[in-house]
Every structure is written in structure tokens, then in C-alpha cells.
Amino acid sequence: MITAGRGRLVALAAVAVGATVALAGCASGDPLDSASTDDGGSSETLVVGSQDYYSNEIIAEIYAQALEANGHTVDRQFRIGQREVYIPEIESGAIDVFPEYTGNLLQFYVPDTTATTSDDVYAELETSLPEGLRVLEEAPATDQDSYNVTKEFSDANDVTSLADLANVTTPLTLGGNSELATRPYGPDGLKEVYGVDVAFTPIEDSGGPLTLKALEDDQVQIVNIFSANPAIASSDLVTLEDPEGLFLASNVVPVVSDKVTDEIAEVINTVSAALTAEELVALNALSIDEQQSAEQIATDWLAEKSLF
């Protein structure tokens, strides 16, 4: 995923969280209760990180609350920044649990991968991570890069797929976070895969209001917006089909350190199994449309799913 902001990870500080209170609400038959210990919790603090992206923060908060409900102390290190910033922290062991996206993470480590489907991407990703890291089970939820145009542009130019862009005779400008300029699916990828030439304008809000305004004002004609962004539907945008697989399938997947035991992994895998694509869009809408906090969204979702 492409995320806004490049803030440096602050010095990690162990933050004690009230796991005992959360434990009191857990039933003995709770599938998430398997990671609890006889002494009331884990002796080690688990550092949970997130990208500087509201949707990713919501998922990280869900992980964190589920872990706390099972007796683990969690240190939240959220809104870190781009993959280039947080990956070294994950590789160093400074972060133990991080929600990632299979396709984009695979392309980070294997830029020339030929995998495109969900199963193939996940299978290759499992063997491509550095020593000391692994991915847990991927969620049904996806949140992948996608190129979008306005309905007016689509109708006027008869464009419904990336391949159709080659037939547009007017100049095209692609808008997205600055790192999109060098991503495999950025301007060079469009040229290589679809024969489409585009200029590029950086817009640093991960498909947010600035991106939408630039598109509506025709400052850019194509924008990169993550597929779980509810603004795609609410703004009546057209997501361009990708018949040649420029974008890899990107399911939500936790990346974890060696500190994550099988019991801890079971907690996170239970969460992942319950997170669908439709639900992720709905959770994101609570953040965008209702301005709910990641903490509140995560608490309500876990309660609704009876996960603790």
C-alpha cells in the first residue's frame, strides 16, 4: 500500500495497557482466549505498528485490542510512514506485528515477481521474507492500489479499463503519493504493460480529499485510490479494470517477528478470518464519514463479531 507521511519511528517505549480489564470480559470458550497465560498475560510486550494510513491503523488497532483481550501487553507504534521507513524497523525486530498487503509487500521484496493471483502472491510471499519474519494467514479483506477516473471522463473517452487509456488522445496525468512515481505499477508500469504515457503529479494524502479535488478539477485525469476506500462509491468514480495484472492481488496479511508464538498467531489469525473486503470498506467509512477513532471502530467491530 502507498501511505502518506514519512515520519521517523519514534523511540519505542513500553506502554502498559489494561489487559486485565479486557480479560475480565472474555468467556472461557472464547476462540481468542488461547493465548492467555496462567499468570494473567504475556511477560513480553508486543509492539504493534501501522502505516500512516487510517485504514491500516484500524486493522492494527483491531490486532492490538484482540491481543490485549488475551492477556498480552501491547505497545502501539502507529502512523509510522511509508514501507521504506517501517520495513527496516520490522526487519530489526523493533516491531512484532504489522498489518501488510500481500501484493505490495511481495513487490517490495521481489520487484520482478510474475505472481498476480491471491494464492500465487501469498505462496511466493511466504518464501520471500527475510529471516526472522513470517506472514500469518491472509484475510479475505483486500485493499489494493487501483486507478480511478471520474464517471464523466469514463463516458467521454469510452474508458473502462487501463487498456482503453491507450486510445485517449488528450494528455493524461496520474495523481498519487510521491512514491507512486517509482512503484512497479506507476507511470513506467503503465507504459510497459499498457503502452500508456502519463505525466505524474504527487498528491500526498493517499487518495483523500486533495486527490479527489484534483481529479474533479481535472488537474489530474487518473488517480491511485485504495480499493477499500468508500470514496470510490460515494464520489461515483470508475475503477479501471486491469486485464493484464499491473496490480498484484493484495490481501490484508499480518507480518510478525519471532516473538509471535503459535498461541499469539492464533489470536491474530482468528481476527483475520473474520475480516472481509466488504467489512473493511464499512470500517473505513466509519473513519471517513463519521470521523470515528480507530480505537472506537476496533472496539465495536470486535464486540459485534463476539471475538472477545
Protein backbone atom coordinates (compact mmCIF):
# COMPACT_ATOMS: atom_id res chain seq x y z
CA MET A 1 0.00 0.00 0.00
CA ILE A 2 1.04 3.54 -0.51
CA THR A 3 0.65 5.67 2.56
CA ALA A 4 1.06 9.34 3.32
CA GLY A 5 3.78 10.76 5.52
CA ARG A 6 7.39 9.78 6.11
CA GLY A 7 7.72 10.42 9.81
CA ARG A 8 10.51 8.53 11.52
CA LEU A 9 9.61 5.89 14.02
CA VAL A 10 9.78 7.36 17.50
CA ALA A 11 11.88 5.63 20.10
CA LEU A 12 9.99 2.59 21.23
CA ALA A 13 8.62 2.91 24.73
CA ALA A 14 6.85 0.11 26.52
CA VAL A 15 3.34 1.33 27.24
CA ALA A 16 1.43 -0.76 29.75
CA VAL A 17 -2.13 -1.38 28.60
CA GLY A 18 -5.03 -2.54 30.77
CA ALA A 19 -5.14 -6.12 29.60
CA THR A 20 -6.59 -7.30 32.92
CA VAL A 21 -9.79 -5.31 32.36
CA ALA A 22 -10.20 -6.73 28.89
CA LEU A 23 -9.56 -10.23 30.17
CA ALA A 24 -12.43 -9.95 32.58
CA GLY A 25 -14.84 -9.82 29.64
CA CYS A 26 -13.50 -12.96 27.97
CA ALA A 27 -15.57 -16.12 28.15
CA SER A 28 -13.71 -19.37 28.82
CA GLY A 29 -14.76 -20.73 25.43
CA ASP A 30 -13.57 -17.66 23.51
CA PRO A 31 -11.53 -18.71 20.44
CA LEU A 32 -9.21 -15.77 21.09
CA ASP A 33 -8.52 -16.88 24.65
CA SER A 34 -5.93 -19.45 23.62
CA ALA A 35 -3.03 -17.06 24.09
CA SER A 36 -3.84 -16.29 27.72
CA THR A 37 -1.41 -17.47 30.37
CA ASP A 38 -1.98 -18.69 33.89
CA ASP A 39 -0.38 -15.61 35.39
CA GLY A 40 -2.78 -13.27 33.57
CA GLY A 41 -0.79 -12.37 30.46
CA SER A 42 2.39 -12.39 28.45
CA SER A 43 5.62 -11.36 30.13
CA GLU A 44 6.82 -9.64 26.95
CA THR A 45 5.47 -6.50 25.36
CA LEU A 46 4.34 -6.91 21.77
CA VAL A 47 4.93 -3.88 19.56
CA VAL A 48 2.14 -3.43 17.02
CA GLY A 49 2.81 -0.96 14.22
CA SER A 50 0.82 0.60 11.40
CA GLN A 51 1.29 2.61 8.25
CA ASP A 52 0.43 6.29 8.17
CA TYR A 53 -2.92 5.36 6.68
CA TYR A 54 -6.24 5.41 8.52
CA SER A 55 -7.40 2.01 7.25
CA ASN A 56 -4.15 0.32 8.22
CA GLU A 57 -4.33 1.93 11.65
CA ILE A 58 -7.83 0.50 12.16
CA ILE A 59 -6.57 -3.02 11.39
CA ALA A 60 -3.56 -2.57 13.67
CA GLU A 61 -5.84 -1.38 16.47
CA ILE A 62 -8.03 -4.47 15.99
CA TYR A 63 -4.92 -6.66 16.35
CA ALA A 64 -3.84 -4.72 19.44
CA GLN A 65 -7.18 -4.96 21.22
CA ALA A 66 -7.52 -8.66 20.43
CA LEU A 67 -4.06 -9.31 21.86
CA GLU A 68 -4.83 -7.28 24.98
CA ALA A 69 -8.05 -9.21 25.45
CA ASN A 70 -5.92 -12.32 25.62
CA GLY A 71 -3.56 -11.07 28.28
CA HIS A 72 -0.78 -9.54 26.21
CA THR A 73 0.78 -6.16 26.82
CA VAL A 74 0.82 -4.09 23.64
CA ASP A 75 2.91 -1.06 22.69
CA ARG A 76 1.22 0.78 19.81
CA GLN A 77 3.54 2.39 17.25
CA PHE A 78 1.03 3.67 14.72
CA ARG A 79 1.12 6.01 11.70
CA ILE A 80 4.81 5.34 11.10
CA GLY A 81 5.02 6.23 7.43
CA GLN A 82 5.93 4.56 4.17
CA ARG A 83 7.11 1.00 3.62
CA GLU A 84 10.64 2.26 3.09
CA VAL A 85 10.53 3.69 6.62
CA TYR A 86 8.84 0.95 8.61
CA ILE A 87 10.23 -2.17 6.92
CA PRO A 88 13.71 -1.66 8.44
CA GLU A 89 12.05 -1.40 11.85
CA ILE A 90 10.18 -4.66 11.27
CA GLU A 91 13.33 -6.38 9.99
CA SER A 92 15.30 -5.20 13.03
CA GLY A 93 12.78 -6.74 15.42
CA ALA A 94 11.64 -3.39 16.77
CA ILE A 95 8.07 -4.15 15.63
CA ASP A 96 6.43 -7.52 16.24
CA VAL A 97 3.07 -7.29 14.46
CA PHE A 98 2.24 -5.20 11.40
CA PRO A 99 -0.75 -5.33 9.03
CA GLU A 100 0.52 -5.53 5.47
CA TYR A 101 -0.82 -6.23 1.99
CA THR A 102 0.36 -9.32 0.15
CA GLY A 103 0.88 -7.98 -3.36
CA ASN A 104 2.63 -4.76 -2.49
CA LEU A 105 4.81 -6.43 0.13
CA LEU A 106 5.83 -9.12 -2.35
CA GLN A 107 6.75 -6.47 -4.93
CA PHE A 108 8.86 -4.73 -2.29
CA TYR A 109 11.00 -7.84 -1.87
CA VAL A 110 10.60 -9.32 -5.36
CA PRO A 111 10.10 -6.42 -7.81
CA ASP A 112 10.11 -8.71 -10.84
CA THR A 113 7.59 -11.21 -9.49
CA THR A 114 5.20 -12.69 -12.03
CA ALA A 115 2.62 -13.73 -9.44
CA THR A 116 -0.69 -11.89 -9.72
CA THR A 117 -3.44 -14.02 -8.16
CA SER A 118 -4.14 -14.06 -4.45
CA ASP A 119 -2.98 -17.65 -3.97
CA ASP A 120 0.18 -17.28 -6.05
CA VAL A 121 1.14 -13.99 -4.40
CA TYR A 122 0.72 -15.41 -0.90
CA ALA A 123 2.65 -18.58 -1.72
CA GLU A 124 5.63 -16.62 -3.07
CA LEU A 125 5.49 -14.10 -0.22
CA GLU A 126 5.84 -16.90 2.34
CA THR A 127 9.27 -17.76 0.90
CA SER A 128 10.47 -14.22 0.19
CA LEU A 129 10.68 -12.56 3.59
CA PRO A 130 13.99 -12.05 5.42
CA GLU A 131 14.99 -14.43 8.20
CA GLY A 132 13.13 -13.71 11.41
CA LEU A 133 9.92 -12.58 9.73
CA ARG A 134 6.88 -14.50 8.57
CA VAL A 135 3.35 -13.83 7.43
CA LEU A 136 0.35 -15.27 9.21
CA GLU A 137 -2.88 -16.22 7.44
CA GLU A 138 -4.17 -13.63 4.99
CA ALA A 139 -7.62 -12.11 5.47
CA PRO A 140 -10.40 -12.23 2.88
CA ALA A 141 -10.21 -8.41 3.01
CA THR A 142 -8.32 -6.67 0.23
CA ASP A 143 -7.15 -3.08 -0.01
CA GLN A 144 -5.07 -2.76 -3.11
CA ASP A 145 -3.96 0.03 -5.37
CA SER A 146 -6.39 0.85 -8.16
CA TYR A 147 -6.58 3.53 -10.84
CA ASN A 148 -9.77 5.55 -10.95
CA VAL A 149 -11.31 8.20 -13.20
CA THR A 150 -14.44 10.29 -12.97
CA LYS A 151 -17.65 8.96 -14.49
CA GLU A 152 -17.60 11.94 -16.86
CA PHE A 153 -14.10 11.10 -18.10
CA SER A 154 -15.00 7.44 -18.49
CA ASP A 155 -18.11 8.23 -20.53
CA ALA A 156 -16.50 10.93 -22.67
CA ASN A 157 -13.49 8.80 -23.59
CA ASP A 158 -15.07 5.34 -23.55
CA VAL A 159 -12.61 4.23 -20.89
CA THR A 160 -13.40 1.39 -18.51
CA SER A 161 -10.03 -0.38 -18.38
CA LEU A 162 -6.37 0.56 -18.25
CA ALA A 163 -6.02 -0.77 -21.79
CA ASP A 164 -8.55 1.82 -23.01
CA LEU A 165 -6.28 4.65 -21.88
CA ALA A 166 -4.05 3.99 -24.89
CA ASN A 167 -6.85 5.31 -27.11
CA VAL A 168 -7.20 8.65 -25.31
CA THR A 169 -5.74 11.42 -27.48
CA THR A 170 -5.54 14.19 -24.85
CA PRO A 171 -2.62 14.40 -22.38
CA LEU A 172 -3.05 12.30 -19.24
CA THR A 173 -1.73 13.00 -15.77
CA LEU A 174 -1.67 10.44 -12.98
CA GLY A 175 -2.04 11.60 -9.37
CA GLY A 176 -0.93 9.78 -6.23
CA ASN A 177 1.54 9.79 -3.36
CA SER A 178 5.05 10.74 -4.46
CA GLU A 179 6.42 7.21 -4.12
CA LEU A 180 3.98 6.04 -6.80
CA ALA A 181 6.38 7.59 -9.33
CA THR A 182 8.83 4.72 -8.75
CA ARG A 183 6.46 1.86 -7.97
CA PRO A 184 6.33 -1.03 -10.50
CA TYR A 185 2.71 -0.12 -11.25
CA GLY A 186 3.39 3.62 -11.57
CA PRO A 187 3.96 5.59 -14.78
CA ASP A 188 6.66 3.23 -16.05
CA GLY A 189 4.43 0.23 -15.40
CA LEU A 190 1.54 1.81 -17.31
CA LYS A 191 3.88 2.42 -20.23
CA GLU A 192 5.40 -1.05 -20.18
CA VAL A 193 2.22 -3.07 -19.68
CA TYR A 194 -0.39 -0.96 -21.48
CA GLY A 195 1.59 1.39 -23.71
CA VAL A 196 0.12 4.42 -21.94
CA ASP A 197 2.14 7.60 -21.45
CA VAL A 198 1.20 9.70 -18.43
CA ALA A 199 2.65 12.66 -16.63
CA PHE A 200 2.75 12.43 -12.84
CA THR A 201 1.62 14.82 -10.10
CA PRO A 202 2.36 13.95 -6.46
CA ILE A 203 -0.61 14.34 -4.10
CA GLU A 204 0.29 13.34 -0.57
CA ASP A 205 -2.99 12.24 1.02
CA SER A 206 -3.36 8.60 -0.04
CA GLY A 207 -6.46 9.09 -2.13
CA GLY A 208 -8.04 11.55 0.27
CA PRO A 209 -9.84 14.87 -0.27
CA LEU A 210 -6.90 16.52 -2.05
CA THR A 211 -6.69 13.65 -4.52
CA LEU A 212 -10.43 13.73 -5.17
CA LYS A 213 -10.43 17.52 -5.66
CA ALA A 214 -7.53 17.33 -8.13
CA LEU A 215 -9.46 14.71 -10.09
CA GLU A 216 -12.74 16.63 -10.04
CA ASP A 217 -10.94 19.85 -11.10
CA ASP A 218 -9.26 17.98 -13.98
CA GLN A 219 -5.79 18.79 -12.65
CA VAL A 220 -5.21 15.05 -13.00
CA GLN A 221 -7.25 12.59 -15.02
CA ILE A 222 -6.33 9.36 -13.22
CA VAL A 223 -5.75 8.79 -9.52
CA ASN A 224 -4.45 5.97 -7.39
CA ILE A 225 -7.01 5.12 -4.69
CA PHE A 226 -7.00 2.05 -2.50
CA SER A 227 -9.81 -0.34 -3.32
CA ALA A 228 -11.32 -0.31 0.20
CA ASN A 229 -11.76 3.47 0.14
CA PRO A 230 -15.50 4.24 0.42
CA ALA A 231 -14.94 7.44 -1.58
CA ILE A 232 -14.81 5.37 -4.76
CA ALA A 233 -18.53 4.70 -4.44
CA SER A 234 -19.57 7.95 -2.77
CA SER A 235 -17.79 10.04 -5.43
CA ASP A 236 -19.14 7.89 -8.28
CA LEU A 237 -15.66 7.06 -9.57
CA VAL A 238 -14.91 4.38 -12.14
CA THR A 239 -12.22 1.92 -11.14
CA LEU A 240 -10.42 0.92 -14.31
CA GLU A 241 -10.19 -2.79 -14.98
CA ASP A 242 -6.71 -4.29 -15.08
CA PRO A 243 -6.80 -7.17 -17.58
CA GLU A 244 -3.01 -7.57 -17.75
CA GLY A 245 -2.45 -7.71 -13.98
CA LEU A 246 -0.49 -4.49 -13.48
CA PHE A 247 -1.63 -4.58 -9.85
CA LEU A 248 -0.99 -7.67 -7.79
CA ALA A 249 -3.75 -9.07 -5.59
CA SER A 250 -3.23 -7.55 -2.14
CA ASN A 251 -4.99 -9.21 0.76
CA VAL A 252 -4.54 -7.91 4.28
CA VAL A 253 -1.86 -10.04 5.95
CA PRO A 254 -0.04 -9.74 9.29
CA VAL A 255 3.76 -9.69 9.21
CA VAL A 256 5.20 -10.85 12.52
CA SER A 257 8.52 -11.30 14.30
CA ASP A 258 9.93 -14.37 16.03
CA LYS A 259 8.41 -13.11 19.27
CA VAL A 260 4.98 -14.09 17.99
CA THR A 261 4.30 -17.62 19.23
CA ASP A 262 1.80 -20.05 17.76
CA GLU A 263 -0.65 -19.08 20.51
CA ILE A 264 -0.34 -15.40 19.68
CA ALA A 265 -0.63 -16.18 15.98
CA GLU A 266 -3.91 -17.98 16.64
CA VAL A 267 -5.38 -14.78 18.11
CA ILE A 268 -4.40 -12.73 15.07
CA ASN A 269 -5.46 -15.43 12.61
CA THR A 270 -8.90 -15.51 14.21
CA VAL A 271 -9.22 -11.79 13.60
CA SER A 272 -8.03 -12.11 10.00
CA ALA A 273 -10.52 -14.85 9.22
CA ALA A 274 -13.38 -12.56 10.25
CA LEU A 275 -12.26 -9.50 8.24
CA THR A 276 -13.91 -9.41 4.80
CA ALA A 277 -13.48 -6.94 1.95
CA GLU A 278 -16.99 -5.53 2.45
CA GLU A 279 -16.45 -5.07 6.16
CA LEU A 280 -13.16 -3.24 5.64
CA VAL A 281 -14.89 -0.74 3.36
CA ALA A 282 -17.57 -0.27 6.04
CA LEU A 283 -14.96 0.22 8.77
CA ASN A 284 -13.17 2.77 6.61
CA ALA A 285 -16.44 4.63 6.07
CA LEU A 286 -16.83 4.99 9.84
CA SER A 287 -13.45 6.73 9.88
CA ILE A 288 -14.03 8.96 6.86
CA ASP A 289 -17.72 9.74 7.06
CA GLU A 290 -18.34 9.65 10.80
CA GLN A 291 -14.85 10.62 11.99
CA GLN A 292 -14.76 7.76 14.48
CA SER A 293 -11.41 6.91 16.04
CA ALA A 294 -9.56 3.72 15.17
CA GLU A 295 -9.93 2.69 18.81
CA GLN A 296 -13.72 3.02 18.78
CA ILE A 297 -14.07 1.33 15.39
CA ALA A 298 -11.95 -1.62 16.53
CA THR A 299 -13.77 -1.98 19.84
CA ASP A 300 -17.19 -2.02 18.23
CA TRP A 301 -16.17 -4.41 15.45
CA LEU A 302 -14.61 -6.94 17.83
CA ALA A 303 -17.69 -6.78 20.05
CA GLU A 304 -20.01 -7.23 17.07
CA LYS A 305 -18.05 -10.29 15.98
CA SER A 306 -18.02 -11.64 19.55
CA LEU A 307 -14.26 -12.05 19.30
CA PHE A 308 -13.76 -11.10 22.94
